[in-house]
C-alpha atoms as a PDB file:
ATOM      1  CA  MET A   1     -85.612 115.948 -24.342  1.00  0.00           C
ATOM      2  CA  THR A   2     -85.268 118.238 -27.552  1.00  0.00           C
ATOM      3  CA  ALA A   3     -87.262 116.731 -30.714  1.00  0.00           C
ATOM      4  CA  PRO A   4     -85.771 115.845 -33.402  1.00  0.00           C
ATOM      5  CA  ARG A   5     -85.839 117.711 -36.682  1.00  0.00           C
ATOM      6  CA  ARG A   6     -88.060 116.609 -39.177  1.00  0.00           C
ATOM      7  CA  ARG A   7     -87.799 119.473 -41.914  1.00  0.00           C
ATOM      8  CA  ALA A   8     -86.494 119.062 -44.933  1.00  0.00           C
ATOM      9  CA  LEU A   9     -84.719 121.786 -47.927  1.00  0.00           C
ATOM     10  CA  VAL A  10     -84.836 120.647 -51.262  1.00  0.00           C
ATOM     11  CA  VAL A  11     -82.016 123.048 -52.890  1.00  0.00           C
ATOM     12  CA  ARG A  12     -82.218 123.249 -56.780  1.00  0.00           C
ATOM     13  CA  GLY A  13     -81.534 124.971 -59.922  1.00  0.00           C
ATOM     14  CA  GLY A  14     -78.105 125.090 -62.054  1.00  0.00           C
ATOM     15  CA  TRP A  15     -77.632 123.857 -65.228  1.00  0.00           C
ATOM     16  CA  PRO A  16     -81.548 122.699 -66.510  1.00  0.00           C
ATOM     17  CA  GLY A  17     -80.188 119.667 -68.259  1.00  0.00           C
ATOM     18  CA  HIS A  18     -80.674 117.282 -64.996  1.00  0.00           C
ATOM     19  CA  ALA A  19     -84.068 118.604 -64.550  1.00  0.00           C
ATOM     20  CA  PRO A  20     -83.536 120.070 -61.329  1.00  0.00           C
ATOM     21  CA  GLU A  21     -87.564 120.611 -60.627  1.00  0.00           C
ATOM     22  CA  GLU A  22     -89.137 116.933 -61.747  1.00  0.00           C
ATOM     23  CA  THR A  23     -86.550 114.893 -60.378  1.00  0.00           C
ATOM     24  CA  THR A  24     -86.496 117.102 -56.975  1.00  0.00           C
ATOM     25  CA  ASP A  25     -90.615 116.875 -57.697  1.00  0.00           C
ATOM     26  CA  LEU A  26     -90.604 112.939 -57.290  1.00  0.00           C
ATOM     27  CA  VAL A  27     -88.777 113.087 -53.682  1.00  0.00           C
ATOM     28  CA  VAL A  28     -90.434 115.538 -51.882  1.00  0.00           C
ATOM     29  CA  PRO A  29     -93.492 113.104 -51.548  1.00  0.00           C
ATOM     30  CA  VAL A  30     -91.088 110.328 -50.006  1.00  0.00           C
ATOM     31  CA  LEU A  31     -89.460 113.117 -47.483  1.00  0.00           C
ATOM     32  CA  ARG A  32     -93.383 113.951 -46.599  1.00  0.00           C
ATOM     33  CA  ASP A  33     -94.283 110.440 -46.648  1.00  0.00           C
ATOM     34  CA  ALA A  34     -91.111 110.114 -43.643  1.00  0.00           C
ATOM     35  CA  GLY A  35     -92.732 112.774 -42.059  1.00  0.00           C
ATOM     36  CA  HIS A  36     -90.782 115.906 -43.228  1.00  0.00           C
ATOM     37  CA  SER A  37     -91.871 119.093 -43.695  1.00  0.00           C
ATOM     38  CA  VAL A  38     -90.566 119.918 -46.873  1.00  0.00           C
ATOM     39  CA  GLU A  39     -89.385 124.011 -48.127  1.00  0.00           C
ATOM     40  CA  ILE A  40     -87.839 123.867 -51.986  1.00  0.00           C
ATOM     41  CA  ALA A  41     -85.597 126.965 -52.274  1.00  0.00           C
ATOM     42  CA  ASP A  42     -84.245 128.041 -56.113  1.00  0.00           C
ATOM     43  CA  ASP A  43     -81.949 130.308 -55.147  1.00  0.00           C
ATOM     44  CA  LEU A  44     -78.384 129.760 -53.229  1.00  0.00           C
ATOM     45  CA  ASP A  45     -79.222 132.467 -50.853  1.00  0.00           C
ATOM     46  CA  VAL A  46     -80.805 129.877 -48.117  1.00  0.00           C
ATOM     47  CA  TYR A  47     -76.825 128.682 -47.152  1.00  0.00           C
ATOM     48  CA  LEU A  48     -76.698 132.192 -45.911  1.00  0.00           C
ATOM     49  CA  ASP A  49     -79.494 131.451 -43.685  1.00  0.00           C
ATOM     50  CA  ALA A  50     -77.823 129.600 -40.186  1.00  0.00           C
ATOM     51  CA  ALA A  51     -80.506 129.665 -38.134  1.00  0.00           C
ATOM     52  CA  ARG A  52     -82.581 128.318 -40.777  1.00  0.00           C
ATOM     53  CA  LEU A  53     -80.386 125.720 -41.821  1.00  0.00           C
ATOM     54  CA  GLN A  54     -80.033 124.397 -38.030  1.00  0.00           C
ATOM     55  CA  ASP A  55     -83.838 123.683 -37.809  1.00  0.00           C
ATOM     56  CA  LEU A  56     -83.263 120.961 -40.804  1.00  0.00           C
ATOM     57  CA  SER A  57     -82.584 116.819 -40.880  1.00  0.00           C
ATOM     58  CA  VAL A  58     -81.419 117.298 -44.197  1.00  0.00           C
ATOM     59  CA  ILE A  59     -80.680 119.188 -47.082  1.00  0.00           C
ATOM     60  CA  VAL A  60     -81.454 117.608 -50.724  1.00  0.00           C
ATOM     61  CA  GLN A  61     -79.574 119.353 -53.282  1.00  0.00           C
ATOM     62  CA  CYS A  62     -79.843 119.206 -57.559  1.00  0.00           C
ATOM     63  CA  TRP A  63     -78.010 121.915 -58.438  1.00  0.00           C
ATOM     64  CA  THR A  64     -75.633 121.392 -60.934  1.00  0.00           C
ATOM     65  CA  LEU A  65     -72.285 123.496 -61.812  1.00  0.00           C
ATOM     66  CA  GLY A  66     -72.795 126.996 -61.052  1.00  0.00           C
ATOM     67  CA  ARG A  67     -70.748 129.131 -58.884  1.00  0.00           C
ATOM     68  CA  MET A  68     -70.810 128.800 -54.971  1.00  0.00           C
ATOM     69  CA  SER A  69     -69.293 131.692 -53.193  1.00  0.00           C
ATOM     70  CA  ALA A  70     -67.428 131.447 -50.116  1.00  0.00           C
ATOM     71  CA  GLU A  71     -70.142 132.231 -47.505  1.00  0.00           C
ATOM     72  CA  HIS A  72     -72.491 130.100 -49.260  1.00  0.00           C
ATOM     73  CA  CYS A  73     -69.895 127.125 -49.326  1.00  0.00           C
ATOM     74  CA  ALA A  74     -69.373 128.087 -45.854  1.00  0.00           C
ATOM     75  CA  GLY A  75     -73.118 127.879 -44.338  1.00  0.00           C
ATOM     76  CA  LEU A  76     -74.034 124.961 -46.137  1.00  0.00           C
ATOM     77  CA  THR A  77     -70.819 122.756 -44.741  1.00  0.00           C
ATOM     78  CA  GLY A  78     -71.067 124.087 -41.641  1.00  0.00           C
ATOM     79  CA  ALA A  79     -74.909 123.104 -41.260  1.00  0.00           C
ATOM     80  CA  VAL A  80     -74.009 119.443 -42.563  1.00  0.00           C
ATOM     81  CA  ALA A  81     -70.813 119.664 -40.022  1.00  0.00           C
ATOM     82  CA  SER A  82     -73.267 120.355 -37.068  1.00  0.00           C
ATOM     83  CA  GLY A  83     -75.569 117.516 -37.833  1.00  0.00           C
ATOM     84  CA  VAL A  84     -77.798 118.464 -40.832  1.00  0.00           C
ATOM     85  CA  GLY A  85     -78.034 115.528 -43.520  1.00  0.00           C
ATOM     86  CA  PHE A  86     -76.958 115.974 -47.121  1.00  0.00           C
ATOM     87  CA  GLY A  87     -78.095 114.146 -49.732  1.00  0.00           C
ATOM     88  CA  GLY A  88     -78.069 114.161 -53.733  1.00  0.00           C
ATOM     89  CA  TRP A  89     -77.671 112.267 -56.961  1.00  0.00           C
ATOM     90  CA  HIS A  90     -75.913 112.729 -60.413  1.00  0.00           C
ATOM     91  CA  GLY A  91     -74.534 116.241 -61.259  1.00  0.00           C
ATOM     92  CA  GLY A  92     -76.930 117.639 -58.922  1.00  0.00           C
ATOM     93  CA  VAL A  93     -73.981 116.836 -55.732  1.00  0.00           C
ATOM     94  CA  VAL A  94     -71.071 115.805 -57.723  1.00  0.00           C
ATOM     95  CA  ASP A  95     -70.662 118.015 -60.835  1.00  0.00           C
ATOM     96  CA  ALA A  96     -71.829 121.347 -58.782  1.00  0.00           C
ATOM     97  CA  PHE A  97     -69.646 124.349 -57.958  1.00  0.00           C
ATOM     98  CA  ARG A  98     -66.669 122.895 -59.249  1.00  0.00           C
ATOM     99  CA  SER A  99     -64.757 125.986 -58.075  1.00  0.00           C
ATOM    100  CA  ARG A 100     -65.208 125.090 -54.554  1.00  0.00           C
ATOM    101  CA  PRO A 101     -63.078 122.426 -53.090  1.00  0.00           C
ATOM    102  CA  GLU A 102     -64.388 123.126 -49.228  1.00  0.00           C
ATOM    103  CA  TYR A 103     -67.589 121.799 -50.733  1.00  0.00           C
ATOM    104  CA  LEU A 104     -66.066 118.635 -53.068  1.00  0.00           C
ATOM    105  CA  GLN A 105     -64.334 117.709 -49.876  1.00  0.00           C
ATOM    106  CA  MET A 106     -67.527 117.114 -48.105  1.00  0.00           C
ATOM    107  CA  VAL A 107     -69.238 115.516 -51.012  1.00  0.00           C
ATOM    108  CA  GLY A 108     -66.620 113.242 -51.567  1.00  0.00           C
ATOM    109  CA  GLY A 109     -66.806 113.124 -55.543  1.00  0.00           C
ATOM    110  CA  GLN A 110     -65.927 115.071 -58.148  1.00  0.00           C
ATOM    111  CA  PHE A 111     -67.803 114.097 -62.076  1.00  0.00           C
ATOM    112  CA  VAL A 112     -65.084 113.892 -64.668  1.00  0.00           C
ATOM    113  CA  ALA A 113     -66.479 112.407 -67.748  1.00  0.00           C
ATOM    114  CA  HIS A 114     -68.759 110.029 -68.631  1.00  0.00           C
ATOM    115  CA  PRO A 115     -67.925 108.099 -71.753  1.00  0.00           C
ATOM    116  CA  GLY A 116     -69.862 106.890 -74.197  1.00  0.00           C
ATOM    117  CA  GLY A 117     -72.631 108.954 -73.118  1.00  0.00           C
ATOM    118  CA  HIS A 118     -76.009 107.002 -72.436  1.00  0.00           C
ATOM    119  CA  VAL A 119     -74.739 103.753 -72.008  1.00  0.00           C
ATOM    120  CA  ASP A 120     -75.494  99.953 -70.872  1.00  0.00           C
ATOM    121  CA  HIS A 121     -73.674  99.047 -68.032  1.00  0.00           C
ATOM    122  CA  ARG A 122     -74.313  97.686 -64.374  1.00  0.00           C
ATOM    123  CA  ILE A 123     -74.022  98.744 -60.933  1.00  0.00           C
ATOM    124  CA  GLU A 124     -72.633  96.500 -58.381  1.00  0.00           C
ATOM    125  CA  LEU A 125     -73.138  96.701 -54.724  1.00  0.00           C
ATOM    126  CA  VAL A 126     -69.891  96.234 -52.892  1.00  0.00           C
ATOM    127  CA  PRO A 127     -70.164  92.673 -51.498  1.00  0.00           C
ATOM    128  CA  GLU A 128     -69.114  93.728 -47.351  1.00  0.00           C
ATOM    129  CA  ARG A 129     -71.228  96.770 -47.341  1.00  0.00           C
ATOM    130  CA  ALA A 130     -74.719  94.731 -48.457  1.00  0.00           C
ATOM    131  CA  ASP A 131     -76.539  95.316 -45.161  1.00  0.00           C
ATOM    132  CA  HIS A 132     -76.164  98.426 -44.648  1.00  0.00           C
ATOM    133  CA  PRO A 133     -79.524 100.197 -44.715  1.00  0.00           C
ATOM    134  CA  ILE A 134     -79.725 101.663 -48.057  1.00  0.00           C
ATOM    135  CA  VAL A 135     -78.712  98.718 -50.188  1.00  0.00           C
ATOM    136  CA  ALA A 136     -79.670  95.804 -48.185  1.00  0.00           C
ATOM    137  CA  GLY A 137     -81.900  93.340 -49.755  1.00  0.00           C
ATOM    138  CA  LEU A 138     -81.425  94.790 -53.170  1.00  0.00           C
ATOM    139  CA  PRO A 139     -79.879  93.125 -55.943  1.00  0.00           C
ATOM    140  CA  SER A 140     -76.609  92.626 -55.819  1.00  0.00           C
ATOM    141  CA  SER A 141     -76.110  93.752 -59.663  1.00  0.00           C
ATOM    142  CA  PHE A 142     -78.453  95.296 -61.961  1.00  0.00           C
ATOM    143  CA  ALA A 143     -78.324  96.885 -65.197  1.00  0.00           C
ATOM    144  CA  VAL A 144     -79.125 100.228 -66.267  1.00  0.00           C
ATOM    145  CA  HIS A 145     -79.130 102.435 -69.654  1.00  0.00           C
ATOM    146  CA  THR A 146     -77.561 105.711 -68.563  1.00  0.00           C
ATOM    147  CA  GLU A 147     -74.500 108.284 -68.102  1.00  0.00           C
ATOM    148  CA  GLN A 148     -71.819 106.502 -66.759  1.00  0.00           C
ATOM    149  CA  TYR A 149     -69.926 108.648 -64.609  1.00  0.00           C
ATOM    150  CA  TRP A 150     -65.940 108.961 -63.522  1.00  0.00           C
ATOM    151  CA  VAL A 151     -65.587 110.343 -60.613  1.00  0.00           C
ATOM    152  CA  LEU A 152     -62.275 111.266 -59.147  1.00  0.00           C
ATOM    153  CA  ALA A 153     -63.065 109.954 -55.027  1.00  0.00           C
ATOM    154  CA  ASP A 154     -61.248 109.209 -51.465  1.00  0.00           C
ATOM    155  CA  ASP A 155     -61.056 107.033 -49.354  1.00  0.00           C
ATOM    156  CA  TYR A 156     -62.789 108.473 -46.724  1.00  0.00           C
ATOM    157  CA  ASN A 157     -66.604 107.614 -48.900  1.00  0.00           C
ATOM    158  CA  ASP A 158     -68.127 104.434 -47.291  1.00  0.00           C
ATOM    159  CA  VAL A 159     -68.409 102.913 -50.817  1.00  0.00           C
ATOM    160  CA  LEU A 160     -72.148 100.847 -51.173  1.00  0.00           C
ATOM    161  CA  ALA A 161     -71.784 100.472 -55.084  1.00  0.00           C
ATOM    162  CA  THR A 162     -69.519 100.677 -57.849  1.00  0.00           C
ATOM    163  CA  THR A 163     -69.708 100.813 -61.651  1.00  0.00           C
ATOM    164  CA  THR A 164     -66.813  99.587 -63.911  1.00  0.00           C
ATOM    165  CA  ILE A 165     -66.326 101.504 -67.178  1.00  0.00           C
ATOM    166  CA  ALA A 166     -64.857  99.249 -70.491  1.00  0.00           C
ATOM    167  CA  PRO A 167     -61.594 100.085 -71.670  1.00  0.00           C
ATOM    168  CA  GLY A 168     -61.717 102.948 -73.737  1.00  0.00           C
ATOM    169  CA  GLU A 169     -59.370 104.851 -76.796  1.00  0.00           C
ATOM    170  CA  GLN A 170     -57.084 105.962 -74.232  1.00  0.00           C
ATOM    171  CA  TRP A 171     -57.069 103.664 -71.174  1.00  0.00           C
ATOM    172  CA  ASP A 172     -56.425  99.758 -71.722  1.00  0.00           C
ATOM    173  CA  ARG A 173     -58.030  98.407 -68.741  1.00  0.00           C
ATOM    174  CA  PRO A 174     -61.715  98.386 -66.842  1.00  0.00           C
ATOM    175  CA  VAL A 175     -62.056 101.267 -64.281  1.00  0.00           C
ATOM    176  CA  THR A 176     -63.956 100.982 -61.370  1.00  0.00           C
ATOM    177  CA  CYS A 177     -65.303 103.824 -59.692  1.00  0.00           C
ATOM    178  CA  PRO A 178     -68.067 104.471 -56.776  1.00  0.00           C
ATOM    179  CA  ALA A 179     -71.250 104.927 -57.827  1.00  0.00           C
ATOM    180  CA  VAL A 180     -72.908 105.007 -54.358  1.00  0.00           C
ATOM    181  CA  TRP A 181     -71.528 105.948 -51.257  1.00  0.00           C
ATOM    182  CA  THR A 182     -71.784 107.711 -47.653  1.00  0.00           C
ATOM    183  CA  ARG A 183     -70.035 110.084 -45.606  1.00  0.00           C
ATOM    184  CA  ASN A 184     -69.923 111.513 -42.234  1.00  0.00           C
ATOM    185  CA  TRP A 185     -68.980 114.971 -42.412  1.00  0.00           C
ATOM    186  CA  GLY A 186     -68.539 116.291 -38.734  1.00  0.00           C
ATOM    187  CA  HIS A 187     -71.955 115.449 -36.948  1.00  0.00           C
ATOM    188  CA  GLY A 188     -73.927 115.514 -40.792  1.00  0.00           C
ATOM    189  CA  ARG A 189     -74.573 112.403 -42.672  1.00  0.00           C
ATOM    190  CA  VAL A 190     -73.523 112.523 -46.597  1.00  0.00           C
ATOM    191  CA  PHE A 191     -75.439 110.205 -49.418  1.00  0.00           C
ATOM    192  CA  VAL A 192     -74.445 110.502 -52.848  1.00  0.00           C
ATOM    193  CA  CYS A 193     -75.539 108.614 -55.825  1.00  0.00           C
ATOM    194  CA  THR A 194     -74.319 109.029 -59.408  1.00  0.00           C
ATOM    195  CA  LEU A 195     -77.357 107.729 -61.152  1.00  0.00           C
ATOM    196  CA  GLY A 196     -79.973 109.978 -61.641  1.00  0.00           C
ATOM    197  CA  HIS A 197     -79.789 111.946 -65.083  1.00  0.00           C
ATOM    198  CA  SER A 198     -83.165 112.234 -65.704  1.00  0.00           C
ATOM    199  CA  PRO A 199     -86.446 111.356 -63.920  1.00  0.00           C
ATOM    200  CA  GLU A 200     -86.969 108.421 -65.985  1.00  0.00           C
ATOM    201  CA  ASP A 201     -83.464 107.269 -64.486  1.00  0.00           C
ATOM    202  CA  LEU A 202     -84.586 107.687 -60.847  1.00  0.00           C
ATOM    203  CA  ASP A 203     -87.789 105.549 -61.744  1.00  0.00           C
ATOM    204  CA  HIS A 204     -85.834 102.477 -62.246  1.00  0.00           C
ATOM    205  CA  PRO A 205     -86.866 100.498 -59.244  1.00  0.00           C
ATOM    206  CA  VAL A 206     -83.626  99.749 -57.260  1.00  0.00           C
ATOM    207  CA  THR A 207     -82.064 103.328 -58.697  1.00  0.00           C
ATOM    208  CA  ARG A 208     -85.582 104.918 -56.799  1.00  0.00           C
ATOM    209  CA  ALA A 209     -84.911 102.644 -53.668  1.00  0.00           C
ATOM    210  CA  VAL A 210     -81.231 103.450 -53.085  1.00  0.00           C
ATOM    211  CA  VAL A 211     -82.062 107.283 -53.408  1.00  0.00           C
ATOM    212  CA  GLN A 212     -85.003 107.252 -51.489  1.00  0.00           C
ATOM    213  CA  ARG A 213     -83.620 104.960 -48.686  1.00  0.00           C
ATOM    214  CA  GLY A 214     -80.420 107.204 -48.907  1.00  0.00           C
ATOM    215  CA  LEU A 215     -82.211 110.461 -48.275  1.00  0.00           C
ATOM    216  CA  ARG A 216     -83.716 108.899 -45.147  1.00  0.00           C
ATOM    217  CA  TRP A 217     -80.716 107.533 -43.889  1.00  0.00           C
ATOM    218  CA  ALA A 218     -78.913 111.130 -44.559  1.00  0.00           C
ATOM    219  CA  ALA A 219     -81.567 112.716 -42.580  1.00  0.00           C
ATOM    220  CA  ARG A 220     -81.804 109.668 -39.406  1.00  0.00           C
END
């Protein structure tokens, strides 16, 4: 029997405002504690090495904005479809590579706006999914003060938590958006958390638990 893959790849870069090095440094020990060897890449060319990607259990990405070539995109999405897990948080996954629809389709959501900037808001677990291993035992609702992401998404996502954006100047009723979701892509698992603007945000105890569990879930 083939031994399970126990290698993790952290791909980080892009816009520096989301502190890609500092935030990913917080999850590297978690991956190692889960038994993974961890490799860090700061260049998207790692997505061109098919043999290297196939040997992974999970790819953790924190790369806000940026441009991805068709070849980079095919390498990443193909690896996930083959069974490699993929996960991340905030703009590092849902505000990345906007010009690549294949990437956006795999991730399952696209950042649009964060009205008001850093605001007090709540994250609500979806009651029907409260037993999912990523959120099981966590508070059904918790408060945060950070960017509240307005995202476009589809119903292929398994939404575990949502956030509701208050009425604003141009919209006259609350808008509920997914905040944490999973998604199957081929044989691979995808995990997304829209929280995580800064290292301080990832240090929130519930957010930290969600991200740590989500990456482990994606890695099987």
